[in-house]
Amino acid sequence: MTTKDQEREALEKIKAIIEEIGGKDSYIGMAFKGCCDIAADNIENDFGDSWMDRWSAAIDDHNKTREALREAIEENNSLKTELECVNDQLEKVRETRDQWKAVAEDKGEQLWERSKEASDAKDRADELERETVTLKAKLYDLMTA
């Protein structure tokens, strides 16, 4: 097993090779971009990290997020459909309410008219009763005279 010092030395040689062939602008430099930094962190902190692991974890996170988003969209669509059904039912309830309101208003108008007719009939009956009393009084006066 190699020591940390041996790994640091090997890393410096790798950095020198990359710089020697063109640095970050070379094909190898582009491929190793960030790898030397990760290697240095691994050596200093006893990590076992790599770009491949990071990339794989990012892909896994992406796929999980994508699946969660797909499920959220499906749930949203389901809730939207359910809401549309509730809105349809609510509209039917409103229509029924409006129909019953119209019936109630019509019945209320009929009741008002009948109440008015009854009041008019009572007034006429009271008038006829007064007239009857007056006629009876006149008849009595004629019979006693």
N, C-alpha and C. Protein backbone atom coordinates (compact mmCIF):
# COMPACT_ATOMS: atom_id res chain seq x y z
N MET A 1 0.85 -1.18 0.00
CA MET A 1 0.00 0.00 0.00
C MET A 1 0.89 1.24 0.00
N THR A 2 0.43 2.22 -0.73
CA THR A 2 1.23 3.44 -0.85
C THR A 2 0.90 4.38 0.29
N THR A 3 1.86 5.24 0.60
CA THR A 3 1.64 6.24 1.65
C THR A 3 1.04 7.49 1.02
N LYS A 4 0.55 8.40 1.87
CA LYS A 4 0.00 9.66 1.39
C LYS A 4 1.07 10.46 0.67
N ASP A 5 2.30 10.43 1.21
CA ASP A 5 3.39 11.16 0.54
C ASP A 5 3.65 10.60 -0.85
N GLN A 6 3.64 9.28 -1.01
CA GLN A 6 3.85 8.68 -2.32
C GLN A 6 2.72 9.08 -3.29
N GLU A 7 1.49 9.13 -2.77
CA GLU A 7 0.36 9.53 -3.62
C GLU A 7 0.47 11.00 -3.99
N ARG A 8 0.89 11.85 -3.07
CA ARG A 8 1.09 13.28 -3.38
C ARG A 8 2.14 13.44 -4.48
N GLU A 9 3.22 12.67 -4.35
CA GLU A 9 4.30 12.71 -5.35
C GLU A 9 3.79 12.26 -6.71
N ALA A 10 3.04 11.18 -6.75
CA ALA A 10 2.49 10.66 -8.01
C ALA A 10 1.53 11.69 -8.61
N LEU A 11 0.73 12.35 -7.77
CA LEU A 11 -0.21 13.36 -8.25
C LEU A 11 0.53 14.54 -8.87
N GLU A 12 1.62 14.96 -8.25
CA GLU A 12 2.42 16.06 -8.81
C GLU A 12 2.99 15.67 -10.18
N LYS A 13 3.42 14.41 -10.33
CA LYS A 13 3.93 13.94 -11.63
C LYS A 13 2.82 13.96 -12.68
N ILE A 14 1.60 13.54 -12.27
CA ILE A 14 0.47 13.54 -13.21
C ILE A 14 0.16 14.97 -13.64
N LYS A 15 0.13 15.91 -12.68
CA LYS A 15 -0.12 17.32 -13.00
C LYS A 15 0.94 17.85 -13.98
N ALA A 16 2.20 17.46 -13.74
CA ALA A 16 3.29 17.91 -14.60
C ALA A 16 3.12 17.36 -16.02
N ILE A 17 2.70 16.10 -16.14
CA ILE A 17 2.49 15.49 -17.46
C ILE A 17 1.37 16.25 -18.19
N ILE A 18 0.29 16.54 -17.48
CA ILE A 18 -0.84 17.25 -18.10
C ILE A 18 -0.39 18.64 -18.56
N GLU A 19 0.38 19.32 -17.73
CA GLU A 19 0.86 20.66 -18.10
C GLU A 19 1.82 20.58 -19.29
N GLU A 20 2.63 19.53 -19.30
CA GLU A 20 3.63 19.36 -20.35
C GLU A 20 2.99 19.16 -21.72
N ILE A 21 1.81 18.51 -21.76
CA ILE A 21 1.19 18.25 -23.06
C ILE A 21 0.19 19.33 -23.48
N GLY A 22 0.10 20.39 -22.74
CA GLY A 22 -0.79 21.47 -23.16
C GLY A 22 -1.72 21.96 -22.07
N GLY A 23 -1.64 21.42 -20.90
CA GLY A 23 -2.46 21.89 -19.77
C GLY A 23 -3.94 21.62 -19.98
N LYS A 24 -4.75 22.53 -19.48
CA LYS A 24 -6.21 22.37 -19.52
C LYS A 24 -6.78 22.41 -20.94
N ASP A 25 -6.01 22.97 -21.88
CA ASP A 25 -6.50 23.07 -23.26
C ASP A 25 -6.24 21.81 -24.07
N SER A 26 -5.48 20.85 -23.53
CA SER A 26 -5.22 19.60 -24.25
C SER A 26 -6.40 18.65 -24.02
N TYR A 27 -6.51 17.65 -24.90
CA TYR A 27 -7.59 16.68 -24.76
C TYR A 27 -7.51 15.96 -23.42
N ILE A 28 -6.31 15.57 -23.05
CA ILE A 28 -6.12 14.89 -21.77
C ILE A 28 -6.41 15.85 -20.62
N GLY A 29 -5.95 17.10 -20.76
CA GLY A 29 -6.22 18.12 -19.73
C GLY A 29 -7.72 18.32 -19.53
N MET A 30 -8.47 18.35 -20.66
CA MET A 30 -9.93 18.50 -20.57
C MET A 30 -10.55 17.29 -19.87
N ALA A 31 -10.05 16.09 -20.21
CA ALA A 31 -10.60 14.87 -19.62
C ALA A 31 -10.32 14.80 -18.12
N PHE A 32 -9.17 15.32 -17.70
CA PHE A 32 -8.80 15.27 -16.29
C PHE A 32 -9.20 16.52 -15.51
N LYS A 33 -9.97 17.41 -16.15
CA LYS A 33 -10.38 18.67 -15.52
C LYS A 33 -11.04 18.38 -14.16
N GLY A 34 -10.48 18.94 -13.11
CA GLY A 34 -11.01 18.77 -11.76
C GLY A 34 -10.59 17.50 -11.06
N CYS A 35 -10.07 16.52 -11.81
CA CYS A 35 -9.70 15.23 -11.22
C CYS A 35 -8.53 15.36 -10.25
N CYS A 36 -7.57 16.20 -10.58
CA CYS A 36 -6.42 16.37 -9.69
C CYS A 36 -6.85 17.01 -8.38
N ASP A 37 -7.80 17.94 -8.44
CA ASP A 37 -8.32 18.56 -7.20
C ASP A 37 -9.02 17.52 -6.33
N ILE A 38 -9.82 16.67 -6.96
CA ILE A 38 -10.51 15.61 -6.21
C ILE A 38 -9.49 14.65 -5.61
N ALA A 39 -8.45 14.30 -6.40
CA ALA A 39 -7.41 13.39 -5.90
C ALA A 39 -6.71 14.00 -4.69
N ALA A 40 -6.40 15.30 -4.76
CA ALA A 40 -5.75 15.97 -3.63
C ALA A 40 -6.64 15.93 -2.40
N ASP A 41 -7.94 16.20 -2.56
CA ASP A 41 -8.88 16.12 -1.42
C ASP A 41 -8.95 14.69 -0.88
N ASN A 42 -8.97 13.71 -1.77
CA ASN A 42 -9.00 12.32 -1.32
C ASN A 42 -7.78 11.99 -0.46
N ILE A 43 -6.61 12.45 -0.92
CA ILE A 43 -5.37 12.16 -0.19
C ILE A 43 -5.40 12.83 1.18
N GLU A 44 -5.76 14.10 1.23
CA GLU A 44 -5.72 14.86 2.48
C GLU A 44 -6.79 14.44 3.47
N ASN A 45 -7.96 14.05 2.96
CA ASN A 45 -9.11 13.79 3.86
C ASN A 45 -9.53 12.33 3.93
N ASP A 46 -8.71 11.45 3.35
CA ASP A 46 -9.03 10.02 3.33
C ASP A 46 -10.39 9.75 2.68
N PHE A 47 -10.66 10.45 1.59
CA PHE A 47 -11.89 10.25 0.82
C PHE A 47 -11.65 9.22 -0.26
N GLY A 48 -12.74 8.78 -0.88
CA GLY A 48 -12.66 7.88 -2.04
C GLY A 48 -13.58 8.41 -3.13
N ASP A 49 -13.50 9.70 -3.39
CA ASP A 49 -14.40 10.38 -4.32
C ASP A 49 -13.83 10.38 -5.74
N SER A 50 -14.74 10.47 -6.73
CA SER A 50 -14.30 10.58 -8.13
C SER A 50 -15.37 11.32 -8.93
N TRP A 51 -14.94 11.82 -10.12
CA TRP A 51 -15.91 12.47 -11.00
C TRP A 51 -16.96 11.47 -11.44
N MET A 52 -16.56 10.24 -11.68
CA MET A 52 -17.51 9.21 -12.13
C MET A 52 -18.58 8.99 -11.06
N ASP A 53 -18.14 8.91 -9.78
CA ASP A 53 -19.12 8.73 -8.69
C ASP A 53 -20.06 9.94 -8.61
N ARG A 54 -19.48 11.14 -8.72
CA ARG A 54 -20.29 12.35 -8.67
C ARG A 54 -21.29 12.38 -9.83
N TRP A 55 -20.81 12.04 -11.02
CA TRP A 55 -21.67 12.04 -12.20
C TRP A 55 -22.79 11.01 -12.04
N SER A 56 -22.42 9.81 -11.57
CA SER A 56 -23.41 8.76 -11.38
C SER A 56 -24.46 9.18 -10.35
N ALA A 57 -24.01 9.80 -9.25
CA ALA A 57 -24.94 10.27 -8.22
C ALA A 57 -25.85 11.37 -8.79
N ALA A 58 -25.27 12.25 -9.60
CA ALA A 58 -26.07 13.32 -10.21
C ALA A 58 -27.12 12.74 -11.15
N ILE A 59 -26.75 11.72 -11.91
CA ILE A 59 -27.71 11.06 -12.81
C ILE A 59 -28.81 10.40 -12.00
N ASP A 60 -28.43 9.72 -10.91
CA ASP A 60 -29.45 9.10 -10.04
C ASP A 60 -30.39 10.15 -9.47
N ASP A 61 -29.83 11.27 -8.98
CA ASP A 61 -30.65 12.36 -8.45
C ASP A 61 -31.57 12.91 -9.53
N HIS A 62 -31.01 13.07 -10.72
CA HIS A 62 -31.80 13.58 -11.84
C HIS A 62 -32.97 12.64 -12.14
N ASN A 63 -32.69 11.35 -12.19
CA ASN A 63 -33.75 10.38 -12.49
C ASN A 63 -34.81 10.35 -11.39
N LYS A 64 -34.38 10.43 -10.13
CA LYS A 64 -35.33 10.45 -9.02
C LYS A 64 -36.19 11.72 -9.09
N THR A 65 -35.55 12.84 -9.39
CA THR A 65 -36.28 14.10 -9.50
C THR A 65 -37.26 14.04 -10.66
N ARG A 66 -36.82 13.47 -11.78
CA ARG A 66 -37.67 13.34 -12.95
C ARG A 66 -38.88 12.45 -12.65
N GLU A 67 -38.65 11.36 -11.93
CA GLU A 67 -39.74 10.46 -11.56
C GLU A 67 -40.70 11.16 -10.60
N ALA A 68 -40.15 11.88 -9.63
CA ALA A 68 -41.00 12.62 -8.69
C ALA A 68 -41.82 13.68 -9.43
N LEU A 69 -41.20 14.33 -10.39
CA LEU A 69 -41.91 15.33 -11.19
C LEU A 69 -43.02 14.67 -12.01
N ARG A 70 -42.72 13.51 -12.61
CA ARG A 70 -43.74 12.79 -13.38
C ARG A 70 -44.91 12.42 -12.48
N GLU A 71 -44.62 11.92 -11.27
CA GLU A 71 -45.68 11.57 -10.33
C GLU A 71 -46.47 12.80 -9.91
N ALA A 72 -45.78 13.90 -9.69
CA ALA A 72 -46.47 15.15 -9.32
C ALA A 72 -47.38 15.62 -10.44
N ILE A 73 -46.91 15.48 -11.68
CA ILE A 73 -47.74 15.88 -12.83
C ILE A 73 -48.97 14.99 -12.92
N GLU A 74 -48.77 13.67 -12.72
CA GLU A 74 -49.91 12.75 -12.76
C GLU A 74 -50.91 13.09 -11.66
N GLU A 75 -50.39 13.36 -10.46
CA GLU A 75 -51.28 13.72 -9.35
C GLU A 75 -52.00 15.03 -9.64
N ASN A 76 -51.26 15.98 -10.22
CA ASN A 76 -51.86 17.26 -10.58
C ASN A 76 -52.98 17.06 -11.60
N ASN A 77 -52.71 16.22 -12.60
CA ASN A 77 -53.73 15.94 -13.62
C ASN A 77 -54.95 15.26 -13.00
N SER A 78 -54.69 14.34 -12.08
CA SER A 78 -55.78 13.65 -11.40
C SER A 78 -56.61 14.64 -10.58
N LEU A 79 -55.91 15.51 -9.85
CA LEU A 79 -56.62 16.52 -9.05
C LEU A 79 -57.38 17.49 -9.95
N LYS A 80 -56.80 17.81 -11.09
CA LYS A 80 -57.47 18.70 -12.04
C LYS A 80 -58.76 18.06 -12.54
N THR A 81 -58.70 16.76 -12.88
CA THR A 81 -59.88 16.04 -13.34
C THR A 81 -60.93 16.01 -12.23
N GLU A 82 -60.49 15.73 -11.01
CA GLU A 82 -61.39 15.69 -9.87
C GLU A 82 -62.04 17.06 -9.64
N LEU A 83 -61.24 18.10 -9.76
CA LEU A 83 -61.76 19.47 -9.60
C LEU A 83 -62.78 19.80 -10.68
N GLU A 84 -62.51 19.36 -11.90
CA GLU A 84 -63.48 19.59 -12.98
C GLU A 84 -64.80 18.89 -12.69
N CYS A 85 -64.74 17.67 -12.14
CA CYS A 85 -65.96 16.95 -11.76
C CYS A 85 -66.71 17.70 -10.67
N VAL A 86 -65.98 18.16 -9.66
CA VAL A 86 -66.60 18.93 -8.58
C VAL A 86 -67.23 20.20 -9.12
N ASN A 87 -66.53 20.88 -10.03
CA ASN A 87 -67.07 22.10 -10.64
C ASN A 87 -68.34 21.80 -11.43
N ASP A 88 -68.36 20.67 -12.16
CA ASP A 88 -69.56 20.27 -12.89
C ASP A 88 -70.72 20.03 -11.93
N GLN A 89 -70.43 19.32 -10.83
CA GLN A 89 -71.48 19.06 -9.84
C GLN A 89 -71.96 20.37 -9.21
N LEU A 90 -71.02 21.25 -8.93
CA LEU A 90 -71.38 22.54 -8.34
C LEU A 90 -72.26 23.34 -9.30
N GLU A 91 -71.94 23.29 -10.58
CA GLU A 91 -72.75 24.00 -11.58
C GLU A 91 -74.17 23.42 -11.61
N LYS A 92 -74.28 22.09 -11.52
CA LYS A 92 -75.61 21.46 -11.49
C LYS A 92 -76.38 21.89 -10.24
N VAL A 93 -75.68 21.97 -9.11
CA VAL A 93 -76.31 22.42 -7.87
C VAL A 93 -76.78 23.87 -8.03
N ARG A 94 -75.95 24.70 -8.65
CA ARG A 94 -76.34 26.10 -8.87
C ARG A 94 -77.56 26.18 -9.77
N GLU A 95 -77.56 25.38 -10.83
CA GLU A 95 -78.72 25.38 -11.74
C GLU A 95 -79.97 24.95 -11.00
N THR A 96 -79.86 23.89 -10.19
CA THR A 96 -81.00 23.41 -9.42
C THR A 96 -81.46 24.49 -8.44
N ARG A 97 -80.48 25.12 -7.77
CA ARG A 97 -80.80 26.20 -6.83
C ARG A 97 -81.54 27.32 -7.55
N ASP A 98 -81.06 27.69 -8.73
CA ASP A 98 -81.70 28.77 -9.49
C ASP A 98 -83.11 28.38 -9.90
N GLN A 99 -83.29 27.10 -10.28
CA GLN A 99 -84.63 26.63 -10.64
C GLN A 99 -85.57 26.70 -9.44
N TRP A 100 -85.08 26.23 -8.28
CA TRP A 100 -85.91 26.26 -7.07
C TRP A 100 -86.16 27.70 -6.62
N LYS A 101 -85.19 28.54 -6.83
CA LYS A 101 -85.37 29.96 -6.48
C LYS A 101 -86.48 30.56 -7.34
N ALA A 102 -86.47 30.25 -8.64
CA ALA A 102 -87.51 30.75 -9.53
C ALA A 102 -88.88 30.22 -9.12
N VAL A 103 -88.93 28.93 -8.77
CA VAL A 103 -90.20 28.33 -8.31
C VAL A 103 -90.65 29.02 -7.04
N ALA A 104 -89.72 29.23 -6.11
CA ALA A 104 -90.07 29.87 -4.83
C ALA A 104 -90.55 31.30 -5.06
N GLU A 105 -89.89 32.01 -5.95
CA GLU A 105 -90.33 33.38 -6.24
C GLU A 105 -91.72 33.37 -6.86
N ASP A 106 -91.97 32.43 -7.78
CA ASP A 106 -93.28 32.32 -8.41
C ASP A 106 -94.34 31.99 -7.36
N LYS A 107 -94.04 31.01 -6.51
CA LYS A 107 -94.99 30.63 -5.45
C LYS A 107 -95.20 31.80 -4.48
N GLY A 108 -94.12 32.53 -4.22
CA GLY A 108 -94.25 33.70 -3.34
C GLY A 108 -95.17 34.75 -3.94
N GLU A 109 -95.03 34.97 -5.24
CA GLU A 109 -95.92 35.93 -5.93
C GLU A 109 -97.36 35.44 -5.89
N GLN A 110 -97.56 34.13 -6.12
CA GLN A 110 -98.92 33.58 -6.06
C GLN A 110 -99.50 33.73 -4.65
N LEU A 111 -98.67 33.44 -3.66
CA LEU A 111 -99.11 33.56 -2.27
C LEU A 111 -99.47 35.02 -1.96
N TRP A 112 -98.66 35.94 -2.44
CA TRP A 112 -98.93 37.37 -2.21
C TRP A 112 -100.27 37.77 -2.86
N GLU A 113 -100.49 37.30 -4.11
CA GLU A 113 -101.73 37.61 -4.79
C GLU A 113 -102.92 37.02 -4.05
N ARG A 114 -102.79 35.77 -3.61
CA ARG A 114 -103.90 35.13 -2.88
C ARG A 114 -104.14 35.82 -1.54
N SER A 115 -103.03 36.22 -0.91
CA SER A 115 -103.17 36.95 0.35
C SER A 115 -103.90 38.26 0.12
N LYS A 116 -103.56 38.94 -0.95
CA LYS A 116 -104.21 40.21 -1.29
C LYS A 116 -105.68 39.97 -1.62
N GLU A 117 -105.96 38.89 -2.39
CA GLU A 117 -107.34 38.54 -2.71
C GLU A 117 -108.12 38.22 -1.44
N ALA A 118 -107.48 37.48 -0.52
CA ALA A 118 -108.15 37.14 0.74
C ALA A 118 -108.42 38.40 1.55
N SER A 119 -107.47 39.31 1.56
CA SER A 119 -107.65 40.57 2.29
C SER A 119 -108.79 41.38 1.66
N ASP A 120 -108.80 41.43 0.33
CA ASP A 120 -109.88 42.14 -0.38
C ASP A 120 -111.23 41.48 -0.09
N ALA A 121 -111.28 40.15 -0.08
CA ALA A 121 -112.52 39.42 0.21
C ALA A 121 -112.98 39.69 1.63
N LYS A 122 -112.04 39.76 2.58
CA LYS A 122 -112.39 40.05 3.97
C LYS A 122 -112.96 41.47 4.07
N ASP A 123 -112.28 42.39 3.38
CA ASP A 123 -112.78 43.78 3.39
C ASP A 123 -114.20 43.83 2.83
N ARG A 124 -114.46 43.09 1.73
CA ARG A 124 -115.79 43.07 1.11
C ARG A 124 -116.78 42.43 2.05
N ALA A 125 -116.36 41.33 2.74
CA ALA A 125 -117.25 40.66 3.69
C ALA A 125 -117.58 41.61 4.84
N ASP A 126 -116.58 42.34 5.33
CA ASP A 126 -116.83 43.31 6.41
C ASP A 126 -117.80 44.39 5.94
N GLU A 127 -117.64 44.85 4.73
CA GLU A 127 -118.52 45.88 4.16
C GLU A 127 -119.95 45.35 4.04
N LEU A 128 -120.05 44.09 3.54
CA LEU A 128 -121.38 43.49 3.41
C LEU A 128 -122.03 43.28 4.77
N GLU A 129 -121.22 42.92 5.77
CA GLU A 129 -121.76 42.73 7.13
C GLU A 129 -122.28 44.05 7.67
N ARG A 130 -121.55 45.12 7.43
CA ARG A 130 -122.00 46.44 7.89
C ARG A 130 -123.29 46.84 7.17
N GLU A 131 -123.32 46.54 5.87
CA GLU A 131 -124.52 46.86 5.09
C GLU A 131 -125.71 46.05 5.58
N THR A 132 -125.46 44.79 5.92
CA THR A 132 -126.51 43.91 6.45
C THR A 132 -127.04 44.47 7.76
N VAL A 133 -126.14 44.89 8.64
CA VAL A 133 -126.55 45.46 9.93
C VAL A 133 -127.40 46.72 9.69
N THR A 134 -126.96 47.54 8.75
CA THR A 134 -127.69 48.78 8.44
C THR A 134 -129.09 48.45 7.91
N LEU A 135 -129.16 47.46 6.99
CA LEU A 135 -130.45 47.07 6.43
C LEU A 135 -131.37 46.47 7.49
N LYS A 136 -130.79 45.67 8.40
CA LYS A 136 -131.59 45.09 9.49
C LYS A 136 -132.14 46.20 10.38
N ALA A 137 -131.27 47.18 10.61
CA ALA A 137 -131.73 48.31 11.46
C ALA A 137 -132.88 49.06 10.78
N LYS A 138 -132.79 49.27 9.46
CA LYS A 138 -133.83 49.95 8.70
C LYS A 138 -135.12 49.11 8.71
N LEU A 139 -134.95 47.81 8.56
CA LEU A 139 -136.11 46.92 8.58
C LEU A 139 -136.81 46.96 9.93
N TYR A 140 -136.04 46.96 10.97
CA TYR A 140 -136.58 47.03 12.32
C TYR A 140 -137.35 48.33 12.51
N ASP A 141 -136.73 49.42 12.02
CA ASP A 141 -137.39 50.73 12.14
C ASP A 141 -138.69 50.74 11.37
N LEU A 142 -138.74 50.11 10.22
CA LEU A 142 -139.95 50.07 9.41
C LEU A 142 -141.02 49.20 10.07
N MET A 143 -140.59 48.13 10.70
CA MET A 143 -141.53 47.21 11.32
C MET A 143 -142.12 47.78 12.62
N THR A 144 -141.38 48.60 13.26
CA THR A 144 -141.83 49.17 14.53
C THR A 144 -142.54 50.51 14.33
N ALA A 145 -142.50 51.05 13.18
CA ALA A 145 -143.09 52.36 12.95
C ALA A 145 -144.55 52.30 12.61
